[in-house]
PDB file of N, CA and C in Angstrom:
ATOM      1  N   UNK A   1      85.169  95.445  87.329  1.00  0.00           N
ATOM      2  CA  UNK A   1      85.959  96.528  88.229  1.00  0.00           C
ATOM      3  C   UNK A   1      85.280  97.803  88.060  1.00  0.00           C
ATOM      4  N   UNK A   2      85.337  98.525  89.118  1.00  0.00           N
ATOM      5  CA  UNK A   2      84.928  99.855  89.033  1.00  0.00           C
ATOM      6  C   UNK A   2      85.849 100.848  89.617  1.00  0.00           C
ATOM      7  N   UNK A   3      85.931 102.244  89.270  1.00  0.00           N
ATOM      8  CA  UNK A   3      86.918 102.988  89.738  1.00  0.00           C
ATOM      9  C   UNK A   3      86.116 103.789  90.762  1.00  0.00           C
ATOM     10  N   UNK A   4      86.564 103.948  91.870  1.00  0.00           N
ATOM     11  CA  UNK A   4      86.162 104.914  92.891  1.00  0.00           C
ATOM     12  C   UNK A   4      87.029 105.914  93.477  1.00  0.00           C
ATOM     13  N   UNK A   5      86.636 107.160  93.745  1.00  0.00           N
ATOM     14  CA  UNK A   5      87.634 108.041  94.272  1.00  0.00           C
ATOM     15  C   UNK A   5      87.587 108.221  95.836  1.00  0.00           C
ATOM     16  N   UNK A   6      88.453 108.419  96.440  1.00  0.00           N
ATOM     17  CA  UNK A   6      88.592 108.201  97.907  1.00  0.00           C
ATOM     18  C   UNK A   6      89.127 109.941  98.373  1.00  0.00           C
ATOM     19  N   UNK A   7      88.308 110.736  98.620  1.00  0.00           N
ATOM     20  CA  UNK A   7      88.614 111.866  99.045  1.00  0.00           C
ATOM     21  C   UNK A   7      88.761 111.978 100.429  1.00  0.00           C
ATOM     22  N   UNK A   8      89.902 112.684 100.943  1.00  0.00           N
ATOM     23  CA  UNK A   8      90.291 112.561 102.238  1.00  0.00           C
ATOM     24  C   UNK A   8      90.249 113.870 103.024  1.00  0.00           C
ATOM     25  N   UNK A   9      89.531 113.932 104.092  1.00  0.00           N
ATOM     26  CA  UNK A   9      89.391 115.305 105.007  1.00  0.00           C
ATOM     27  C   UNK A   9      90.322 114.704 106.329  1.00  0.00           C
ATOM     28  N   UNK A  10      91.218 115.452 106.704  1.00  0.00           N
ATOM     29  CA  UNK A  10      91.834 115.184 107.820  1.00  0.00           C
ATOM     30  C   UNK A  10      91.751 116.244 109.027  1.00  0.00           C
ATOM     31  N   UNK A  11      90.682 116.880 108.989  1.00  0.00           N
ATOM     32  CA  UNK A  11      90.262 117.703 109.905  1.00  0.00           C
ATOM     33  C   UNK A  11      90.991 119.223 109.712  1.00  0.00           C
ATOM     34  N   UNK A  12      91.941 119.199 108.785  1.00  0.00           N
ATOM     35  CA  UNK A  12      92.574 120.451 108.540  1.00  0.00           C
ATOM     36  C   UNK A  12      92.684 120.549 107.051  1.00  0.00           C
ATOM     37  N   UNK A  13      93.001 119.629 106.283  1.00  0.00           N
ATOM     38  CA  UNK A  13      93.069 119.603 104.875  1.00  0.00           C
ATOM     39  C   UNK A  13      91.983 118.719 104.149  1.00  0.00           C
ATOM     40  N   UNK A  14      91.642 119.166 103.024  1.00  0.00           N
ATOM     41  CA  UNK A  14      90.869 118.302 102.085  1.00  0.00           C
ATOM     42  C   UNK A  14      91.803 117.978 100.975  1.00  0.00           C
ATOM     43  N   UNK A  15      91.831 116.534 100.783  1.00  0.00           N
ATOM     44  CA  UNK A  15      92.538 116.215  99.564  1.00  0.00           C
ATOM     45  C   UNK A  15      91.781 115.291  98.498  1.00  0.00           C
ATOM     46  N   UNK A  16      91.483 116.020  97.408  1.00  0.00           N
ATOM     47  CA  UNK A  16      90.506 115.335  96.505  1.00  0.00           C
ATOM     48  C   UNK A  16      91.484 114.180  95.587  1.00  0.00           C
ATOM     49  N   UNK A  17      90.976 112.947  95.462  1.00  0.00           N
ATOM     50  CA  UNK A  17      91.629 111.984  94.806  1.00  0.00           C
ATOM     51  C   UNK A  17      91.227 112.090  93.256  1.00  0.00           C
ATOM     52  N   UNK A  18      92.362 112.558  92.556  1.00  0.00           N
ATOM     53  CA  UNK A  18      92.017 112.718  91.198  1.00  0.00           C
ATOM     54  C   UNK A  18      92.329 111.272  90.188  1.00  0.00           C
ATOM     55  N   UNK A  19      93.001 110.515  91.008  1.00  0.00           N
ATOM     56  CA  UNK A  19      93.513 109.157  90.189  1.00  0.00           C
ATOM     57  C   UNK A  19      92.399 107.930  90.265  1.00  0.00           C
ATOM     58  N   UNK A  20      92.055 107.893  91.432  1.00  0.00           N
ATOM     59  CA  UNK A  20      90.845 106.890  91.905  1.00  0.00           C
ATOM     60  C   UNK A  20      91.774 105.501  92.118  1.00  0.00           C
ATOM     61  N   UNK A  21      90.989 104.316  92.493  1.00  0.00           N
ATOM     62  CA  UNK A  21      91.244 103.042  92.675  1.00  0.00           C
ATOM     63  C   UNK A  21      90.311 102.197  92.012  1.00  0.00           C
ATOM     64  N   UNK A  22      90.866 101.178  91.602  1.00  0.00           N
ATOM     65  CA  UNK A  22      89.747  99.906  91.112  1.00  0.00           C
ATOM     66  C   UNK A  22      89.506  99.064  92.258  1.00  0.00           C
ATOM     67  N   UNK A  23      88.136  98.982  92.297  1.00  0.00           N
ATOM     68  CA  UNK A  23      87.541  97.911  93.433  1.00  0.00           C
ATOM     69  C   UNK A  23      86.573  96.985  92.647  1.00  0.00           C
ATOM     70  N   UNK A  24      86.411  95.772  93.359  1.00  0.00           N
ATOM     71  CA  UNK A  24      85.605  94.794  92.563  1.00  0.00           C
ATOM     72  C   UNK A  24      84.288  95.316  92.885  1.00  0.00           C
ATOM     73  N   UNK A  25      83.748  96.066  93.548  1.00  0.00           N
ATOM     74  CA  UNK A  25      82.302  96.347  93.667  1.00  0.00           C
ATOM     75  C   UNK A  25      82.230  97.328  95.007  1.00  0.00           C
ATOM     76  N   UNK A  26      81.023  97.550  95.375  1.00  0.00           N
ATOM     77  CA  UNK A  26      80.744  98.441  96.614  1.00  0.00           C
ATOM     78  C   UNK A  26      81.187  97.865  97.943  1.00  0.00           C
ATOM     79  N   UNK A  27      81.194  96.540  98.098  1.00  0.00           N
ATOM     80  CA  UNK A  27      81.635  96.048  99.484  1.00  0.00           C
ATOM     81  C   UNK A  27      83.254  96.295  99.550  1.00  0.00           C
ATOM     82  N   UNK A  28      84.041  95.984  98.442  1.00  0.00           N
ATOM     83  CA  UNK A  28      85.409  96.300  98.425  1.00  0.00           C
ATOM     84  C   UNK A  28      85.706  97.799  98.566  1.00  0.00           C
ATOM     85  N   UNK A  29      84.961  98.512  97.971  1.00  0.00           N
ATOM     86  CA  UNK A  29      85.175 100.019  98.180  1.00  0.00           C
ATOM     87  C   UNK A  29      84.914 100.359  99.608  1.00  0.00           C
ATOM     88  N   UNK A  30      84.071  99.954 100.358  1.00  0.00           N
ATOM     89  CA  UNK A  30      83.617 100.237 101.668  1.00  0.00           C
ATOM     90  C   UNK A  30      84.832  99.772 102.431  1.00  0.00           C
ATOM     91  N   UNK A  31      85.187  98.710 102.333  1.00  0.00           N
ATOM     92  CA  UNK A  31      86.428  98.186 103.082  1.00  0.00           C
ATOM     93  C   UNK A  31      87.501  98.793 102.938  1.00  0.00           C
ATOM     94  N   UNK A  32      88.013  99.255 101.836  1.00  0.00           N
ATOM     95  CA  UNK A  32      89.143 100.257 101.336  1.00  0.00           C
ATOM     96  C   UNK A  32      89.216 101.454 101.961  1.00  0.00           C
ATOM     97  N   UNK A  33      87.920 102.031 102.076  1.00  0.00           N
ATOM     98  CA  UNK A  33      87.807 103.317 102.705  1.00  0.00           C
ATOM     99  C   UNK A  33      87.820 103.080 104.261  1.00  0.00           C
ATOM    100  N   UNK A  34      87.403 101.963 104.827  1.00  0.00           N
ATOM    101  CA  UNK A  34      87.473 102.056 106.238  1.00  0.00           C
ATOM    102  C   UNK A  34      89.145 101.679 106.716  1.00  0.00           C
ATOM    103  N   UNK A  35      89.635 100.827 105.865  1.00  0.00           N
ATOM    104  CA  UNK A  35      91.094 100.587 106.002  1.00  0.00           C
ATOM    105  C   UNK A  35      91.943 101.640 106.189  1.00  0.00           C
ATOM    106  N   UNK A  36      91.748 102.575 105.328  1.00  0.00           N
ATOM    107  CA  UNK A  36      92.634 103.822 105.015  1.00  0.00           C
ATOM    108  C   UNK A  36      92.726 104.624 106.111  1.00  0.00           C
ATOM    109  N   UNK A  37      91.743 104.563 106.816  1.00  0.00           N
ATOM    110  CA  UNK A  37      91.513 105.779 107.901  1.00  0.00           C
ATOM    111  C   UNK A  37      92.606 105.843 109.156  1.00  0.00           C
ATOM    112  N   UNK A  38      92.694 104.476 109.622  1.00  0.00           N
ATOM    113  CA  UNK A  38      93.792 104.448 110.616  1.00  0.00           C
ATOM    114  C   UNK A  38      95.268 104.861 110.115  1.00  0.00           C
ATOM    115  N   UNK A  39      95.730 104.365 109.065  1.00  0.00           N
ATOM    116  CA  UNK A  39      96.912 105.012 108.316  1.00  0.00           C
ATOM    117  C   UNK A  39      96.928 106.535 108.144  1.00  0.00           C
ATOM    118  N   UNK A  40      95.906 107.088 108.101  1.00  0.00           N
ATOM    119  CA  UNK A  40      95.905 108.599 107.854  1.00  0.00           C
ATOM    120  C   UNK A  40      95.956 109.209 109.179  1.00  0.00           C
ATOM    121  N   UNK A  41      95.081 108.628 109.983  1.00  0.00           N
ATOM    122  CA  UNK A  41      95.278 109.101 111.557  1.00  0.00           C
ATOM    123  C   UNK A  41      96.711 108.934 111.923  1.00  0.00           C
ATOM    124  N   UNK A  42      97.468 107.919 111.867  1.00  0.00           N
ATOM    125  CA  UNK A  42      98.707 107.741 112.224  1.00  0.00           C
ATOM    126  C   UNK A  42      99.433 108.675 111.728  1.00  0.00           C
ATOM    127  N   UNK A  43      99.633 108.892 110.392  1.00  0.00           N
ATOM    128  CA  UNK A  43     100.305 109.815 109.533  1.00  0.00           C
ATOM    129  C   UNK A  43     100.188 111.311 109.956  1.00  0.00           C
ATOM    130  N   UNK A  44      99.005 111.654 110.440  1.00  0.00           N
ATOM    131  CA  UNK A  44      98.749 113.113 110.865  1.00  0.00           C
ATOM    132  C   UNK A  44      98.213 113.267 112.396  1.00  0.00           C
ATOM    133  N   UNK A  45      98.999 112.402 112.998  1.00  0.00           N
ATOM    134  CA  UNK A  45      98.734 112.636 114.572  1.00  0.00           C
ATOM    135  C   UNK A  45      98.291 114.153 115.002  1.00  0.00           C
ATOM    136  N   UNK A  46      97.234 114.473 115.705  1.00  0.00           N
ATOM    137  CA  UNK A  46      97.086 115.727 115.867  1.00  0.00           C
ATOM    138  C   UNK A  46      97.802 116.408 117.086  1.00  0.00           C
ATOM    139  N   UNK A  47      98.189 117.798 116.874  1.00  0.00           N
ATOM    140  CA  UNK A  47      98.645 118.531 117.919  1.00  0.00           C
ATOM    141  C   UNK A  47      97.839 118.748 119.159  1.00  0.00           C
ATOM    142  N   UNK A  48      96.364 118.714 118.777  1.00  0.00           N
ATOM    143  CA  UNK A  48      95.318 119.073 119.808  1.00  0.00           C
ATOM    144  C   UNK A  48      94.715 117.753 120.167  1.00  0.00           C
ATOM    145  N   UNK A  49      93.661 117.946 121.102  1.00  0.00           N
ATOM    146  CA  UNK A  49      93.039 117.034 121.654  1.00  0.00           C
ATOM    147  C   UNK A  49      91.935 116.129 120.857  1.00  0.00           C
ATOM    148  N   UNK A  50      91.541 116.657 119.787  1.00  0.00           N
ATOM    149  CA  UNK A  50      90.276 116.199 119.287  1.00  0.00           C
ATOM    150  C   UNK A  50      90.652 116.379 117.608  1.00  0.00           C
ATOM    151  N   UNK A  51      90.211 115.412 116.684  1.00  0.00           N
ATOM    152  CA  UNK A  51      90.472 115.450 115.408  1.00  0.00           C
ATOM    153  C   UNK A  51      89.525 114.217 114.789  1.00  0.00           C
ATOM    154  N   UNK A  52      88.716 114.650 113.677  1.00  0.00           N
ATOM    155  CA  UNK A  52      88.059 113.725 112.932  1.00  0.00           C
ATOM    156  C   UNK A  52      88.774 113.546 111.622  1.00  0.00           C
ATOM    157  N   UNK A  53      88.901 112.244 111.241  1.00  0.00           N
ATOM    158  CA  UNK A  53      89.327 111.812 109.841  1.00  0.00           C
ATOM    159  C   UNK A  53      88.403 111.160 109.070  1.00  0.00           C
ATOM    160  N   UNK A  54      88.187 111.460 107.761  1.00  0.00           N
ATOM    161  CA  UNK A  54      86.918 111.347 106.951  1.00  0.00           C
ATOM    162  C   UNK A  54      87.679 110.923 105.565  1.00  0.00           C
ATOM    163  N   UNK A  55      87.042 109.864 105.127  1.00  0.00           N
ATOM    164  CA  UNK A  55      86.972 109.638 103.747  1.00  0.00           C
ATOM    165  C   UNK A  55      85.648 109.388 103.067  1.00  0.00           C
ATOM    166  N   UNK A  56      85.444 110.244 101.891  1.00  0.00           N
ATOM    167  CA  UNK A  56      84.451 110.212 101.151  1.00  0.00           C
ATOM    168  C   UNK A  56      84.620 109.605  99.852  1.00  0.00           C
ATOM    169  N   UNK A  57      83.766 108.729  99.287  1.00  0.00           N
ATOM    170  CA  UNK A  57      83.941 107.926  98.236  1.00  0.00           C
ATOM    171  C   UNK A  57      83.082 108.289  97.223  1.00  0.00           C
ATOM    172  N   UNK A  58      83.774 108.583  95.960  1.00  0.00           N
ATOM    173  CA  UNK A  58      82.773 109.111  94.709  1.00  0.00           C
ATOM    174  C   UNK A  58      83.056 107.928  93.826  1.00  0.00           C
ATOM    175  N   UNK A  59      81.980 107.834  92.841  1.00  0.00           N
ATOM    176  CA  UNK A  59      82.111 107.082  91.718  1.00  0.00           C
ATOM    177  C   UNK A  59      82.393 107.830  90.416  1.00  0.00           C
ATOM    178  N   UNK A  60      82.725 107.246  89.406  1.00  0.00           N
ATOM    179  CA  UNK A  60      83.299 107.658  88.235  1.00  0.00           C
ATOM    180  C   UNK A  60      82.292 109.055  87.560  1.00  0.00           C
ATOM    181  N   UNK A  61      80.917 108.911  88.060  1.00  0.00           N
ATOM    182  CA  UNK A  61      80.180 110.162  87.692  1.00  0.00           C
ATOM    183  C   UNK A  61      80.395 111.262  88.748  1.00  0.00           C
ATOM    184  N   UNK A  62      81.079 111.131  89.636  1.00  0.00           N
ATOM    185  CA  UNK A  62      81.237 112.154  90.777  1.00  0.00           C
ATOM    186  C   UNK A  62      80.371 112.160  91.925  1.00  0.00           C
ATOM    187  N   UNK A  63      79.342 111.254  91.948  1.00  0.00           N
ATOM    188  CA  UNK A  63      78.452 111.141  93.007  1.00  0.00           C
ATOM    189  C   UNK A  63      79.025 110.305  94.201  1.00  0.00           C
ATOM    190  N   UNK A  64      78.935 111.062  95.405  1.00  0.00           N
ATOM    191  CA  UNK A  64      79.291 110.425  96.677  1.00  0.00           C
ATOM    192  C   UNK A  64      78.362 109.298  96.968  1.00  0.00           C
ATOM    193  N   UNK A  65      79.148 108.135  97.236  1.00  0.00           N
ATOM    194  CA  UNK A  65      78.427 107.023  97.382  1.00  0.00           C
ATOM    195  C   UNK A  65      78.480 106.676  99.037  1.00  0.00           C
ATOM    196  N   UNK A  66      79.718 106.897  99.562  1.00  0.00           N
ATOM    197  CA  UNK A  66      79.955 106.288 100.948  1.00  0.00           C
ATOM    198  C   UNK A  66      80.759 107.219 101.679  1.00  0.00           C
ATOM    199  N   UNK A  67      80.704 107.332 103.144  1.00  0.00           N
ATOM    200  CA  UNK A  67      81.715 108.211 103.923  1.00  0.00           C
ATOM    201  C   UNK A  67      81.880 107.262 105.166  1.00  0.00           C
ATOM    202  N   UNK A  68      83.052 107.286 105.635  1.00  0.00           N
ATOM    203  CA  UNK A  68      83.576 106.674 106.765  1.00  0.00           C
ATOM    204  C   UNK A  68      84.470 107.671 107.625  1.00  0.00           C
ATOM    205  N   UNK A  69      84.363 107.765 108.857  1.00  0.00           N
ATOM    206  CA  UNK A  69      84.719 108.830 109.676  1.00  0.00           C
ATOM    207  C   UNK A  69      85.513 108.147 110.794  1.00  0.00           C
ATOM    208  N   UNK A  70      86.755 108.556 111.365  1.00  0.00           N
ATOM    209  CA  UNK A  70      87.464 107.934 112.489  1.00  0.00           C
ATOM    210  C   UNK A  70      87.574 109.221 113.371  1.00  0.00           C
ATOM    211  N   UNK A  71      87.174 109.144 114.435  1.00  0.00           N
ATOM    212  CA  UNK A  71      87.560 110.480 115.394  1.00  0.00           C
ATOM    213  C   UNK A  71      88.447 109.945 116.573  1.00  0.00           C
ATOM    214  N   UNK A  72      89.399 110.760 116.658  1.00  0.00           N
ATOM    215  CA  UNK A  72      90.366 110.621 117.944  1.00  0.00           C
ATOM    216  C   UNK A  72      90.243 111.584 118.769  1.00  0.00           C
ATOM    217  N   UNK A  73      90.124 111.172 119.890  1.00  0.00           N
ATOM    218  CA  UNK A  73      90.292 112.254 121.255  1.00  0.00           C
ATOM    219  C   UNK A  73      91.118 111.892 122.211  1.00  0.00           C
ATOM    220  N   UNK A  74      91.867 112.771 122.658  1.00  0.00           N
ATOM    221  CA  UNK A  74      93.112 112.568 123.737  1.00  0.00           C
ATOM    222  C   UNK A  74      92.657 113.640 124.764  1.00  0.00           C
ATOM    223  N   UNK A  75      92.654 112.911 126.077  1.00  0.00           N
ATOM    224  CA  UNK A  75      92.567 113.815 127.278  1.00  0.00           C
ATOM    225  C   UNK A  75      93.257 113.210 128.410  1.00  0.00           C
ATOM    226  N   UNK A  76      93.941 114.019 129.434  1.00  0.00           N
ATOM    227  CA  UNK A  76      94.527 113.906 130.319  1.00  0.00           C
ATOM    228  C   UNK A  76      93.292 113.409 131.507  1.00  0.00           C
ATOM    229  N   UNK A  77      93.401 112.462 132.103  1.00  0.00           N
ATOM    230  CA  UNK A  77      92.632 112.150 133.565  1.00  0.00           C
ATOM    231  C   UNK A  77      92.872 112.372 134.680  1.00  0.00           C
ATOM    232  N   UNK A  78      94.140 112.823 134.994  1.00  0.00           N
ATOM    233  CA  UNK A  78      94.599 113.016 136.307  1.00  0.00           C
ATOM    234  C   UNK A  78      94.797 114.532 136.421  1.00  0.00           C
ATOM    235  N   UNK A  79      94.555 115.482 135.388  1.00  0.00           N
ATOM    236  CA  UNK A  79      94.532 116.912 135.476  1.00  0.00           C
ATOM    237  C   UNK A  79      95.817 117.393 135.993  1.00  0.00           C
ATOM    238  N   UNK A  80      96.979 116.927 135.772  1.00  0.00           N
ATOM    239  CA  UNK A  80      98.330 117.328 136.294  1.00  0.00           C
ATOM    240  C   UNK A  80      99.098 117.817 135.209  1.00  0.00           C
ATOM    241  N   UNK A  81      99.818 118.821 135.287  1.00  0.00           N
ATOM    242  CA  UNK A  81     100.734 119.404 134.294  1.00  0.00           C
ATOM    243  C   UNK A  81     101.895 118.400 133.780  1.00  0.00           C
ATOM    244  N   UNK A  82     102.184 118.430 132.659  1.00  0.00           N
ATOM    245  CA  UNK A  82     102.915 117.299 131.699  1.00  0.00           C
ATOM    246  C   UNK A  82     103.854 116.426 132.814  1.00  0.00           C
TER     247      UNK A  82
END
């Protein structure tokens, strides 16, 4: 098991993971990073029309190994007011 740190960027804030999570290896770390993004997007639904949510994963030495990004775009198609 290896400890990885999942730093979160939600388009407005950066949250540095100081605790980390144990994963079986790189594939498990990758899967965990991708899995967390929709939850972050749901928790931080944007007030605007566009927002990128990103997780960057560090190893125990502090080197970034992986990045996953989820982009959310919302737009009216009929151009009418509310």
